[in-house]
Amino acid sequence: MHELGIVFEIVRQVTEAMEGEEGVVKQIILDVGEMSGVVPRYLTECFPAAVDGTALEKTELVINEIPANVRCKSCKKIYHLPSHLEACPFCGELHKVMISGSDLVIKEIVVE
């Protein structure tokens, strides 16, 4: 489960970003792409262990799941990609460009 390492890295980055800043981190909001290779539920389960004994111990982790959408290279239409092998439902073309859903991003750090 590589999610544990990812959560520790998120905690490190947020802690580093907050150095010298005032306030308490209330929420860390992540955008997790459907095709990112990361299981959101595992991030949620690992988070308490990663923040235990840190300044982020009472921080809430919020995860927005971002759908995998692609643009067909042939007809230029955008569609949801349930499988990387799916052909375009509009023209049958296999060549496509990923436009969303492949990343994991720290979207926002909510501080009070």
PDB file of N, CA and C in Angstrom:
ATOM      1  N   MET A   1       0.853  -1.175   0.000  1.00  0.00           N
ATOM      2  CA  MET A   1       0.000   0.000   0.000  1.00  0.00           C
ATOM      3  C   MET A   1       0.902   1.243   0.000  1.00  0.00           C
ATOM      4  N   HIS A   2       1.048   1.878  -1.160  1.00  0.00           N
ATOM      5  CA  HIS A   2       1.890   3.069  -1.265  1.00  0.00           C
ATOM      6  C   HIS A   2       1.202   4.319  -0.741  1.00  0.00           C
ATOM      7  N   GLU A   3      -0.088   4.219  -0.438  1.00  0.00           N
ATOM      8  CA  GLU A   3      -0.825   5.372   0.073  1.00  0.00           C
ATOM      9  C   GLU A   3      -0.250   5.891   1.389  1.00  0.00           C
ATOM     10  N   LEU A   4       0.289   5.006   2.222  1.00  0.00           N
ATOM     11  CA  LEU A   4       0.876   5.443   3.494  1.00  0.00           C
ATOM     12  C   LEU A   4       2.033   6.407   3.233  1.00  0.00           C
ATOM     13  N   GLY A   5       2.900   6.067   2.305  1.00  0.00           N
ATOM     14  CA  GLY A   5       4.007   6.957   1.950  1.00  0.00           C
ATOM     15  C   GLY A   5       3.518   8.275   1.373  1.00  0.00           C
ATOM     16  N   ILE A   6       2.458   8.211   0.587  1.00  0.00           N
ATOM     17  CA  ILE A   6       1.877   9.428   0.002  1.00  0.00           C
ATOM     18  C   ILE A   6       1.332  10.324   1.099  1.00  0.00           C
ATOM     19  N   VAL A   7       0.628   9.747   2.065  1.00  0.00           N
ATOM     20  CA  VAL A   7       0.058  10.536   3.163  1.00  0.00           C
ATOM     21  C   VAL A   7       1.178  11.186   3.985  1.00  0.00           C
ATOM     22  N   PHE A   8       2.239  10.454   4.274  1.00  0.00           N
ATOM     23  CA  PHE A   8       3.361  11.044   5.012  1.00  0.00           C
ATOM     24  C   PHE A   8       3.982  12.200   4.228  1.00  0.00           C
ATOM     25  N   GLU A   9       4.058  12.084   2.910  1.00  0.00           N
ATOM     26  CA  GLU A   9       4.595  13.164   2.084  1.00  0.00           C
ATOM     27  C   GLU A   9       3.664  14.374   2.096  1.00  0.00           C
ATOM     28  N   ILE A  10       2.361  14.151   2.057  1.00  0.00           N
ATOM     29  CA  ILE A  10       1.393  15.255   2.140  1.00  0.00           C
ATOM     30  C   ILE A  10       1.559  15.979   3.471  1.00  0.00           C
ATOM     31  N   VAL A  11       1.660  15.224   4.559  1.00  0.00           N
ATOM     32  CA  VAL A  11       1.849  15.818   5.892  1.00  0.00           C
ATOM     33  C   VAL A  11       3.153  16.624   5.918  1.00  0.00           C
ATOM     34  N   ARG A  12       4.211  16.100   5.323  1.00  0.00           N
ATOM     35  CA  ARG A  12       5.485  16.821   5.279  1.00  0.00           C
ATOM     36  C   ARG A  12       5.349  18.133   4.511  1.00  0.00           C
ATOM     37  N   GLN A  13       4.688  18.080   3.356  1.00  0.00           N
ATOM     38  CA  GLN A  13       4.539  19.280   2.534  1.00  0.00           C
ATOM     39  C   GLN A  13       3.685  20.339   3.222  1.00  0.00           C
ATOM     40  N   VAL A  14       2.595  19.914   3.855  1.00  0.00           N
ATOM     41  CA  VAL A  14       1.723  20.870   4.552  1.00  0.00           C
ATOM     42  C   VAL A  14       2.463  21.468   5.745  1.00  0.00           C
ATOM     43  N   THR A  15       3.164  20.647   6.498  1.00  0.00           N
ATOM     44  CA  THR A  15       3.935  21.133   7.648  1.00  0.00           C
ATOM     45  C   THR A  15       4.982  22.141   7.194  1.00  0.00           C
ATOM     46  N   GLU A  16       5.661  21.841   6.102  1.00  0.00           N
ATOM     47  CA  GLU A  16       6.667  22.751   5.549  1.00  0.00           C
ATOM     48  C   GLU A  16       6.028  24.060   5.083  1.00  0.00           C
ATOM     49  N   ALA A  17       4.874  23.975   4.440  1.00  0.00           N
ATOM     50  CA  ALA A  17       4.178  25.173   3.954  1.00  0.00           C
ATOM     51  C   ALA A  17       3.724  26.065   5.104  1.00  0.00           C
ATOM     52  N   MET A  18       3.456  25.460   6.256  1.00  0.00           N
ATOM     53  CA  MET A  18       2.947  26.213   7.407  1.00  0.00           C
ATOM     54  C   MET A  18       4.060  26.775   8.295  1.00  0.00           C
ATOM     55  N   GLU A  19       5.314  26.430   8.036  1.00  0.00           N
ATOM     56  CA  GLU A  19       6.418  26.952   8.852  1.00  0.00           C
ATOM     57  C   GLU A  19       6.415  28.473   8.830  1.00  0.00           C
ATOM     58  N   GLY A  20       6.420  29.072  10.019  1.00  0.00           N
ATOM     59  CA  GLY A  20       6.429  30.522  10.141  1.00  0.00           C
ATOM     60  C   GLY A  20       5.075  31.176   9.947  1.00  0.00           C
ATOM     61  N   GLU A  21       4.056  30.387   9.657  1.00  0.00           N
ATOM     62  CA  GLU A  21       2.704  30.920   9.454  1.00  0.00           C
ATOM     63  C   GLU A  21       1.911  30.836  10.758  1.00  0.00           C
ATOM     64  N   GLU A  22       0.958  31.733  10.918  1.00  0.00           N
ATOM     65  CA  GLU A  22       0.083  31.720  12.091  1.00  0.00           C
ATOM     66  C   GLU A  22      -1.163  30.907  11.781  1.00  0.00           C
ATOM     67  N   GLY A  23      -1.780  30.376  12.820  1.00  0.00           N
ATOM     68  CA  GLY A  23      -3.032  29.650  12.656  1.00  0.00           C
ATOM     69  C   GLY A  23      -2.854  28.150  12.760  1.00  0.00           C
ATOM     70  N   VAL A  24      -4.005  27.491  12.779  1.00  0.00           N
ATOM     71  CA  VAL A  24      -4.065  26.036  12.913  1.00  0.00           C
ATOM     72  C   VAL A  24      -4.694  25.463  11.650  1.00  0.00           C
ATOM     73  N   VAL A  25      -4.099  24.414  11.117  1.00  0.00           N
ATOM     74  CA  VAL A  25      -4.647  23.765   9.925  1.00  0.00           C
ATOM     75  C   VAL A  25      -5.881  22.971  10.334  1.00  0.00           C
ATOM     76  N   LYS A  26      -7.033  23.354   9.796  1.00  0.00           N
ATOM     77  CA  LYS A  26      -8.295  22.670  10.097  1.00  0.00           C
ATOM     78  C   LYS A  26      -8.591  21.567   9.087  1.00  0.00           C
ATOM     79  N   GLN A  27      -8.257  21.820   7.827  1.00  0.00           N
ATOM     80  CA  GLN A  27      -8.538  20.842   6.768  1.00  0.00           C
ATOM     81  C   GLN A  27      -7.411  20.833   5.741  1.00  0.00           C
ATOM     82  N   ILE A  28      -7.173  19.654   5.219  1.00  0.00           N
ATOM     83  CA  ILE A  28      -6.341  19.493   4.026  1.00  0.00           C
ATOM     84  C   ILE A  28      -7.276  18.919   2.973  1.00  0.00           C
ATOM     85  N   ILE A  29      -7.410  19.635   1.863  1.00  0.00           N
ATOM     86  CA  ILE A  29      -8.320  19.206   0.804  1.00  0.00           C
ATOM     87  C   ILE A  29      -7.490  18.713  -0.382  1.00  0.00           C
ATOM     88  N   LEU A  30      -7.747  17.466  -0.764  1.00  0.00           N
ATOM     89  CA  LEU A  30      -7.032  16.840  -1.873  1.00  0.00           C
ATOM     90  C   LEU A  30      -7.967  16.606  -3.047  1.00  0.00           C
ATOM     91  N   ASP A  31      -7.437  16.728  -4.254  1.00  0.00           N
ATOM     92  CA  ASP A  31      -8.106  16.253  -5.462  1.00  0.00           C
ATOM     93  C   ASP A  31      -7.380  14.974  -5.867  1.00  0.00           C
ATOM     94  N   VAL A  32      -8.102  13.868  -5.894  1.00  0.00           N
ATOM     95  CA  VAL A  32      -7.511  12.573  -6.236  1.00  0.00           C
ATOM     96  C   VAL A  32      -8.178  12.058  -7.508  1.00  0.00           C
ATOM     97  N   GLY A  33      -7.400  11.944  -8.560  1.00  0.00           N
ATOM     98  CA  GLY A  33      -7.919  11.489  -9.844  1.00  0.00           C
ATOM     99  C   GLY A  33      -8.249  10.008  -9.851  1.00  0.00           C
ATOM    100  N   GLU A  34      -9.302   9.693 -10.555  1.00  0.00           N
ATOM    101  CA  GLU A  34      -9.770   8.308 -10.694  1.00  0.00           C
ATOM    102  C   GLU A  34      -8.679   7.400 -11.273  1.00  0.00           C
ATOM    103  N   MET A  35      -7.825   7.946 -12.135  1.00  0.00           N
ATOM    104  CA  MET A  35      -6.758   7.163 -12.764  1.00  0.00           C
ATOM    105  C   MET A  35      -5.383   7.499 -12.177  1.00  0.00           C
ATOM    106  N   SER A  36      -5.354   8.052 -10.966  1.00  0.00           N
ATOM    107  CA  SER A  36      -4.081   8.439 -10.342  1.00  0.00           C
ATOM    108  C   SER A  36      -3.315   7.248  -9.791  1.00  0.00           C
ATOM    109  N   GLY A  37      -3.990   6.125  -9.631  1.00  0.00           N
ATOM    110  CA  GLY A  37      -3.348   4.962  -9.038  1.00  0.00           C
ATOM    111  C   GLY A  37      -3.385   4.980  -7.524  1.00  0.00           C
ATOM    112  N   VAL A  38      -4.132   5.930  -6.959  1.00  0.00           N
ATOM    113  CA  VAL A  38      -4.241   6.081  -5.513  1.00  0.00           C
ATOM    114  C   VAL A  38      -5.674   5.764  -5.101  1.00  0.00           C
ATOM    115  N   VAL A  39      -5.822   4.994  -4.028  1.00  0.00           N
ATOM    116  CA  VAL A  39      -7.145   4.629  -3.519  1.00  0.00           C
ATOM    117  C   VAL A  39      -7.521   5.619  -2.410  1.00  0.00           C
ATOM    118  N   PRO A  40      -8.523   6.490  -2.654  1.00  0.00           N
ATOM    119  CA  PRO A  40      -8.897   7.495  -1.658  1.00  0.00           C
ATOM    120  C   PRO A  40      -9.187   6.920  -0.266  1.00  0.00           C
ATOM    121  N   ARG A  41      -9.845   5.798  -0.207  1.00  0.00           N
ATOM    122  CA  ARG A  41     -10.181   5.184   1.084  1.00  0.00           C
ATOM    123  C   ARG A  41      -8.916   4.850   1.869  1.00  0.00           C
ATOM    124  N   TYR A  42      -7.879   4.417   1.180  1.00  0.00           N
ATOM    125  CA  TYR A  42      -6.624   4.091   1.860  1.00  0.00           C
ATOM    126  C   TYR A  42      -5.945   5.354   2.393  1.00  0.00           C
ATOM    127  N   LEU A  43      -6.037   6.462   1.652  1.00  0.00           N
ATOM    128  CA  LEU A  43      -5.498   7.727   2.154  1.00  0.00           C
ATOM    129  C   LEU A  43      -6.182   8.097   3.462  1.00  0.00           C
ATOM    130  N   THR A  44      -7.510   7.985   3.467  1.00  0.00           N
ATOM    131  CA  THR A  44      -8.297   8.308   4.660  1.00  0.00           C
ATOM    132  C   THR A  44      -7.915   7.413   5.829  1.00  0.00           C
ATOM    133  N   GLU A  45      -7.718   6.134   5.562  1.00  0.00           N
ATOM    134  CA  GLU A  45      -7.374   5.190   6.629  1.00  0.00           C
ATOM    135  C   GLU A  45      -5.962   5.417   7.168  1.00  0.00           C
ATOM    136  N   CYS A  46      -5.034   5.845   6.327  1.00  0.00           N
ATOM    137  CA  CYS A  46      -3.644   6.057   6.742  1.00  0.00           C
ATOM    138  C   CYS A  46      -3.422   7.407   7.420  1.00  0.00           C
ATOM    139  N   PHE A  47      -4.285   8.361   7.154  1.00  0.00           N
ATOM    140  CA  PHE A  47      -4.088   9.730   7.629  1.00  0.00           C
ATOM    141  C   PHE A  47      -3.902   9.830   9.145  1.00  0.00           C
ATOM    142  N   PRO A  48      -4.738   9.187   9.975  1.00  0.00           N
ATOM    143  CA  PRO A  48      -4.547   9.308  11.431  1.00  0.00           C
ATOM    144  C   PRO A  48      -3.154   8.878  11.899  1.00  0.00           C
ATOM    145  N   ALA A  49      -2.602   7.852  11.315  1.00  0.00           N
ATOM    146  CA  ALA A  49      -1.261   7.392  11.698  1.00  0.00           C
ATOM    147  C   ALA A  49      -0.199   8.418  11.301  1.00  0.00           C
ATOM    148  N   ALA A  50      -0.394   9.067  10.166  1.00  0.00           N
ATOM    149  CA  ALA A  50       0.594  10.027   9.669  1.00  0.00           C
ATOM    150  C   ALA A  50       0.613  11.321  10.476  1.00  0.00           C
ATOM    151  N   VAL A  51      -0.530  11.725  11.025  1.00  0.00           N
ATOM    152  CA  VAL A  51      -0.590  12.991  11.767  1.00  0.00           C
ATOM    153  C   VAL A  51      -0.465  12.800  13.275  1.00  0.00           C
ATOM    154  N   ASP A  52      -0.441  11.573  13.738  1.00  0.00           N
ATOM    155  CA  ASP A  52      -0.351  11.288  15.172  1.00  0.00           C
ATOM    156  C   ASP A  52       0.901  11.942  15.767  1.00  0.00           C
ATOM    157  N   GLY A  53       0.683  12.754  16.801  1.00  0.00           N
ATOM    158  CA  GLY A  53       1.797  13.411  17.480  1.00  0.00           C
ATOM    159  C   GLY A  53       2.348  14.627  16.759  1.00  0.00           C
ATOM    160  N   THR A  54       1.658  15.099  15.715  1.00  0.00           N
ATOM    161  CA  THR A  54       2.108  16.281  14.969  1.00  0.00           C
ATOM    162  C   THR A  54       1.146  17.435  15.201  1.00  0.00           C
ATOM    163  N   ALA A  55       1.500  18.607  14.678  1.00  0.00           N
ATOM    164  CA  ALA A  55       0.630  19.780  14.768  1.00  0.00           C
ATOM    165  C   ALA A  55      -0.645  19.593  13.946  1.00  0.00           C
ATOM    166  N   LEU A  56      -0.678  18.582  13.088  1.00  0.00           N
ATOM    167  CA  LEU A  56      -1.845  18.330  12.232  1.00  0.00           C
ATOM    168  C   LEU A  56      -2.779  17.266  12.812  1.00  0.00           C
ATOM    169  N   GLU A  57      -2.556  16.887  14.056  1.00  0.00           N
ATOM    170  CA  GLU A  57      -3.298  15.782  14.668  1.00  0.00           C
ATOM    171  C   GLU A  57      -4.820  15.959  14.625  1.00  0.00           C
ATOM    172  N   LYS A  58      -5.297  17.191  14.722  1.00  0.00           N
ATOM    173  CA  LYS A  58      -6.745  17.438  14.716  1.00  0.00           C
ATOM    174  C   LYS A  58      -7.257  17.896  13.349  1.00  0.00           C
ATOM    175  N   THR A  59      -6.417  17.790  12.344  1.00  0.00           N
ATOM    176  CA  THR A  59      -6.765  18.221  10.987  1.00  0.00           C
ATOM    177  C   THR A  59      -7.647  17.182  10.307  1.00  0.00           C
ATOM    178  N   GLU A  60      -8.641  17.676   9.571  1.00  0.00           N
ATOM    179  CA  GLU A  60      -9.535  16.802   8.801  1.00  0.00           C
ATOM    180  C   GLU A  60      -8.997  16.675   7.373  1.00  0.00           C
ATOM    181  N   LEU A  61      -9.002  15.457   6.863  1.00  0.00           N
ATOM    182  CA  LEU A  61      -8.620  15.215   5.473  1.00  0.00           C
ATOM    183  C   LEU A  61      -9.892  15.120   4.638  1.00  0.00           C
ATOM    184  N   VAL A  62      -9.986  15.975   3.616  1.00  0.00           N
ATOM    185  CA  VAL A  62     -11.141  15.981   2.714  1.00  0.00           C
ATOM    186  C   VAL A  62     -10.636  15.578   1.332  1.00  0.00           C
ATOM    187  N   ILE A  63     -11.305  14.605   0.730  1.00  0.00           N
ATOM    188  CA  ILE A  63     -10.871  14.113  -0.578  1.00  0.00           C
ATOM    189  C   ILE A  63     -11.973  14.314  -1.613  1.00  0.00           C
ATOM    190  N   ASN A  64     -11.628  15.039  -2.675  1.00  0.00           N
ATOM    191  CA  ASN A  64     -12.506  15.186  -3.834  1.00  0.00           C
ATOM    192  C   ASN A  64     -12.036  14.180  -4.877  1.00  0.00           C
ATOM    193  N   GLU A  65     -12.916  13.286  -5.272  1.00  0.00           N
ATOM    194  CA  GLU A  65     -12.550  12.310  -6.301  1.00  0.00           C
ATOM    195  C   GLU A  65     -12.842  12.916  -7.671  1.00  0.00           C
ATOM    196  N   ILE A  66     -11.808  13.000  -8.492  1.00  0.00           N
ATOM    197  CA  ILE A  66     -11.900  13.639  -9.806  1.00  0.00           C
ATOM    198  C   ILE A  66     -12.046  12.560 -10.880  1.00  0.00           C
ATOM    199  N   PRO A  67     -13.121  12.635 -11.673  1.00  0.00           N
ATOM    200  CA  PRO A  67     -13.335  11.615 -12.704  1.00  0.00           C
ATOM    201  C   PRO A  67     -12.280  11.684 -13.811  1.00  0.00           C
ATOM    202  N   ALA A  68     -12.012  10.531 -14.392  1.00  0.00           N
ATOM    203  CA  ALA A  68     -11.073  10.444 -15.513  1.00  0.00           C
ATOM    204  C   ALA A  68     -11.823  10.798 -16.792  1.00  0.00           C
ATOM    205  N   ASN A  69     -11.458  11.937 -17.368  1.00  0.00           N
ATOM    206  CA  ASN A  69     -12.060  12.375 -18.618  1.00  0.00           C
ATOM    207  C   ASN A  69     -10.975  12.522 -19.672  1.00  0.00           C
ATOM    208  N   VAL A  70     -11.327  12.158 -20.884  1.00  0.00           N
ATOM    209  CA  VAL A  70     -10.394  12.240 -22.003  1.00  0.00           C
ATOM    210  C   VAL A  70     -11.047  12.959 -23.178  1.00  0.00           C
ATOM    211  N   ARG A  71     -10.178  13.451 -24.090  1.00  0.00           N
ATOM    212  CA  ARG A  71     -10.654  14.057 -25.333  1.00  0.00           C
ATOM    213  C   ARG A  71     -10.193  13.164 -26.473  1.00  0.00           C
ATOM    214  N   CYS A  72     -11.127  12.775 -27.306  1.00  0.00           N
ATOM    215  CA  CYS A  72     -10.818  11.958 -28.472  1.00  0.00           C
ATOM    216  C   CYS A  72      -9.961  12.778 -29.439  1.00  0.00           C
ATOM    217  N   LYS A  73      -8.870  12.190 -29.925  1.00  0.00           N
ATOM    218  CA  LYS A  73      -7.996  12.888 -30.871  1.00  0.00           C
ATOM    219  C   LYS A  73      -8.643  13.037 -32.241  1.00  0.00           C
ATOM    220  N   SER A  74      -9.611  12.191 -32.537  1.00  0.00           N
ATOM    221  CA  SER A  74     -10.247  12.232 -33.847  1.00  0.00           C
ATOM    222  C   SER A  74     -11.425  13.207 -33.882  1.00  0.00           C
ATOM    223  N   CYS A  75     -12.442  12.957 -33.056  1.00  0.00           N
ATOM    224  CA  CYS A  75     -13.658  13.786 -33.110  1.00  0.00           C
ATOM    225  C   CYS A  75     -13.644  14.937 -32.098  1.00  0.00           C
ATOM    226  N   LYS A  76     -12.635  14.965 -31.206  1.00  0.00           N
ATOM    227  CA  LYS A  76     -12.439  16.038 -30.221  1.00  0.00           C
ATOM    228  C   LYS A  76     -13.485  16.072 -29.110  1.00  0.00           C
ATOM    229  N   LYS A  77     -14.352  15.073 -29.030  1.00  0.00           N
ATOM    230  CA  LYS A  77     -15.362  15.047 -27.966  1.00  0.00           C
ATOM    231  C   LYS A  77     -14.737  14.546 -26.666  1.00  0.00           C
ATOM    232  N   ILE A  78     -15.290  15.033 -25.556  1.00  0.00           N
ATOM    233  CA  ILE A  78     -14.816  14.651 -24.225  1.00  0.00           C
ATOM    234  C   ILE A  78     -15.751  13.597 -23.658  1.00  0.00           C
ATOM    235  N   TYR A  79     -15.147  12.569 -23.049  1.00  0.00           N
ATOM    236  CA  TYR A  79     -15.961  11.519 -22.431  1.00  0.00           C
ATOM    237  C   TYR A  79     -15.251  10.945 -21.219  1.00  0.00           C
ATOM    238  N   HIS A  80     -16.040  10.326 -20.342  1.00  0.00           N
ATOM    239  CA  HIS A  80     -15.518   9.676 -19.137  1.00  0.00           C
ATOM    240  C   HIS A  80     -14.836   8.380 -19.544  1.00  0.00           C
ATOM    241  N   LEU A  81     -13.718   8.107 -18.924  1.00  0.00           N
ATOM    242  CA  LEU A  81     -12.922   6.937 -19.274  1.00  0.00           C
ATOM    243  C   LEU A  81     -12.971   5.902 -18.153  1.00  0.00           C
ATOM    244  N   PRO A  82     -13.910   4.964 -18.219  1.00  0.00           N
ATOM    245  CA  PRO A  82     -13.968   3.938 -17.172  1.00  0.00           C
ATOM    246  C   PRO A  82     -12.829   2.934 -17.272  1.00  0.00           C
ATOM    247  N   SER A  83     -12.230   2.820 -18.436  1.00  0.00           N
ATOM    248  CA  SER A  83     -11.106   1.905 -18.641  1.00  0.00           C
ATOM    249  C   SER A  83     -10.174   2.529 -19.671  1.00  0.00           C
ATOM    250  N   HIS A  84      -8.857   2.383 -19.471  1.00  0.00           N
ATOM    251  CA  HIS A  84      -7.911   3.005 -20.401  1.00  0.00           C
ATOM    252  C   HIS A  84      -7.950   2.367 -21.788  1.00  0.00           C
ATOM    253  N   LEU A  85      -8.659   1.263 -21.940  1.00  0.00           N
ATOM    254  CA  LEU A  85      -8.738   0.596 -23.241  1.00  0.00           C
ATOM    255  C   LEU A  85     -10.001   0.959 -24.021  1.00  0.00           C
ATOM    256  N   GLU A  86     -10.864   1.756 -23.410  1.00  0.00           N
ATOM    257  CA  GLU A  86     -12.136   2.102 -24.044  1.00  0.00           C
ATOM    258  C   GLU A  86     -11.938   2.943 -25.305  1.00  0.00           C
ATOM    259  N   ALA A  87     -12.687   2.598 -26.326  1.00  0.00           N
ATOM    260  CA  ALA A  87     -12.715   3.401 -27.549  1.00  0.00           C
ATOM    261  C   ALA A  87     -13.690   4.556 -27.346  1.00  0.00           C
ATOM    262  N   CYS A  88     -13.533   5.605 -28.134  1.00  0.00           N
ATOM    263  CA  CYS A  88     -14.432   6.752 -28.064  1.00  0.00           C
ATOM    264  C   CYS A  88     -15.860   6.284 -28.331  1.00  0.00           C
ATOM    265  N   PRO A  89     -16.806   6.618 -27.443  1.00  0.00           N
ATOM    266  CA  PRO A  89     -18.185   6.191 -27.646  1.00  0.00           C
ATOM    267  C   PRO A  89     -18.877   6.934 -28.791  1.00  0.00           C
ATOM    268  N   PHE A  90     -18.242   7.997 -29.289  1.00  0.00           N
ATOM    269  CA  PHE A  90     -18.844   8.790 -30.356  1.00  0.00           C
ATOM    270  C   PHE A  90     -18.371   8.355 -31.746  1.00  0.00           C
ATOM    271  N   CYS A  91     -17.058   8.011 -31.863  1.00  0.00           N
ATOM    272  CA  CYS A  91     -16.535   7.678 -33.195  1.00  0.00           C
ATOM    273  C   CYS A  91     -15.762   6.355 -33.245  1.00  0.00           C
ATOM    274  N   GLY A  92     -15.505   5.741 -32.094  1.00  0.00           N
ATOM    275  CA  GLY A  92     -14.810   4.455 -32.056  1.00  0.00           C
ATOM    276  C   GLY A  92     -13.289   4.543 -32.060  1.00  0.00           C
ATOM    277  N   GLU A  93     -12.748   5.735 -32.154  1.00  0.00           N
ATOM    278  CA  GLU A  93     -11.290   5.946 -32.163  1.00  0.00           C
ATOM    279  C   GLU A  93     -10.682   5.543 -30.814  1.00  0.00           C
ATOM    280  N   LEU A  94      -9.484   4.963 -30.861  1.00  0.00           N
ATOM    281  CA  LEU A  94      -8.800   4.550 -29.627  1.00  0.00           C
ATOM    282  C   LEU A  94      -7.842   5.615 -29.092  1.00  0.00           C
ATOM    283  N   HIS A  95      -7.400   6.535 -29.929  1.00  0.00           N
ATOM    284  CA  HIS A  95      -6.424   7.546 -29.515  1.00  0.00           C
ATOM    285  C   HIS A  95      -7.121   8.690 -28.797  1.00  0.00           C
ATOM    286  N   LYS A  96      -6.590   8.994 -27.609  1.00  0.00           N
ATOM    287  CA  LYS A  96      -7.219  10.015 -26.774  1.00  0.00           C
ATOM    288  C   LYS A  96      -6.163  10.725 -25.943  1.00  0.00           C
ATOM    289  N   VAL A  97      -6.556  11.861 -25.359  1.00  0.00           N
ATOM    290  CA  VAL A  97      -5.687  12.647 -24.491  1.00  0.00           C
ATOM    291  C   VAL A  97      -6.389  12.800 -23.147  1.00  0.00           C
ATOM    292  N   MET A  98      -5.684  12.457 -22.073  1.00  0.00           N
ATOM    293  CA  MET A  98      -6.238  12.601 -20.729  1.00  0.00           C
ATOM    294  C   MET A  98      -6.346  14.088 -20.400  1.00  0.00           C
ATOM    295  N   ILE A  99      -7.531  14.531 -19.950  1.00  0.00           N
ATOM    296  CA  ILE A  99      -7.687  15.941 -19.585  1.00  0.00           C
ATOM    297  C   ILE A  99      -7.969  16.130 -18.096  1.00  0.00           C
ATOM    298  N   SER A 100      -8.399  15.088 -17.407  1.00  0.00           N
ATOM    299  CA  SER A 100      -8.574  15.178 -15.951  1.00  0.00           C
ATOM    300  C   SER A 100      -8.612  13.779 -15.353  1.00  0.00           C
ATOM    301  N   GLY A 101      -8.278  13.733 -14.066  1.00  0.00           N
ATOM    302  CA  GLY A 101      -8.418  12.474 -13.348  1.00  0.00           C
ATOM    303  C   GLY A 101      -7.175  11.624 -13.233  1.00  0.00           C
ATOM    304  N   SER A 102      -5.998  12.196 -13.573  1.00  0.00           N
ATOM    305  CA  SER A 102      -4.776  11.399 -13.454  1.00  0.00           C
ATOM    306  C   SER A 102      -3.850  11.899 -12.342  1.00  0.00           C
ATOM    307  N   ASP A 103      -4.237  12.968 -11.679  1.00  0.00           N
ATOM    308  CA  ASP A 103      -3.361  13.598 -10.691  1.00  0.00           C
ATOM    309  C   ASP A 103      -3.822  13.395  -9.256  1.00  0.00           C
ATOM    310  N   LEU A 104      -2.906  13.658  -8.344  1.00  0.00           N
ATOM    311  CA  LEU A 104      -3.215  13.813  -6.926  1.00  0.00           C
ATOM    312  C   LEU A 104      -2.629  15.166  -6.541  1.00  0.00           C
ATOM    313  N   VAL A 105      -3.491  16.077  -6.081  1.00  0.00           N
ATOM    314  CA  VAL A 105      -3.075  17.453  -5.825  1.00  0.00           C
ATOM    315  C   VAL A 105      -3.557  17.894  -4.448  1.00  0.00           C
ATOM    316  N   ILE A 106      -2.677  18.592  -3.714  1.00  0.00           N
ATOM    317  CA  ILE A 106      -3.137  19.280  -2.503  1.00  0.00           C
ATOM    318  C   ILE A 106      -3.844  20.529  -3.002  1.00  0.00           C
ATOM    319  N   LYS A 107      -5.154  20.494  -2.984  1.00  0.00           N
ATOM    320  CA  LYS A 107      -5.975  21.569  -3.551  1.00  0.00           C
ATOM    321  C   LYS A 107      -6.006  22.791  -2.635  1.00  0.00           C
ATOM    322  N   GLU A 108      -6.145  22.542  -1.324  1.00  0.00           N
ATOM    323  CA  GLU A 108      -6.310  23.658  -0.397  1.00  0.00           C
ATOM    324  C   GLU A 108      -5.895  23.240   1.008  1.00  0.00           C
ATOM    325  N   ILE A 109      -5.344  24.199   1.739  1.00  0.00           N
ATOM    326  CA  ILE A 109      -5.048  24.032   3.156  1.00  0.00           C
ATOM    327  C   ILE A 109      -5.887  25.082   3.875  1.00  0.00           C
ATOM    328  N   VAL A 110      -6.857  24.638   4.669  1.00  0.00           N
ATOM    329  CA  VAL A 110      -7.755  25.551   5.382  1.00  0.00           C
ATOM    330  C   VAL A 110      -7.158  25.821   6.759  1.00  0.00           C
ATOM    331  N   VAL A 111      -6.901  27.110   7.030  1.00  0.00           N
ATOM    332  CA  VAL A 111      -6.257  27.520   8.279  1.00  0.00           C
ATOM    333  C   VAL A 111      -7.170  28.482   9.025  1.00  0.00           C
ATOM    334  N   GLU A 112      -7.241  28.316  10.342  1.00  0.00           N
ATOM    335  CA  GLU A 112      -8.000  29.266  11.184  1.00  0.00           C
ATOM    336  C   GLU A 112      -7.070  29.887  12.189  1.00  0.00           C
TER     337      GLU A 112
END
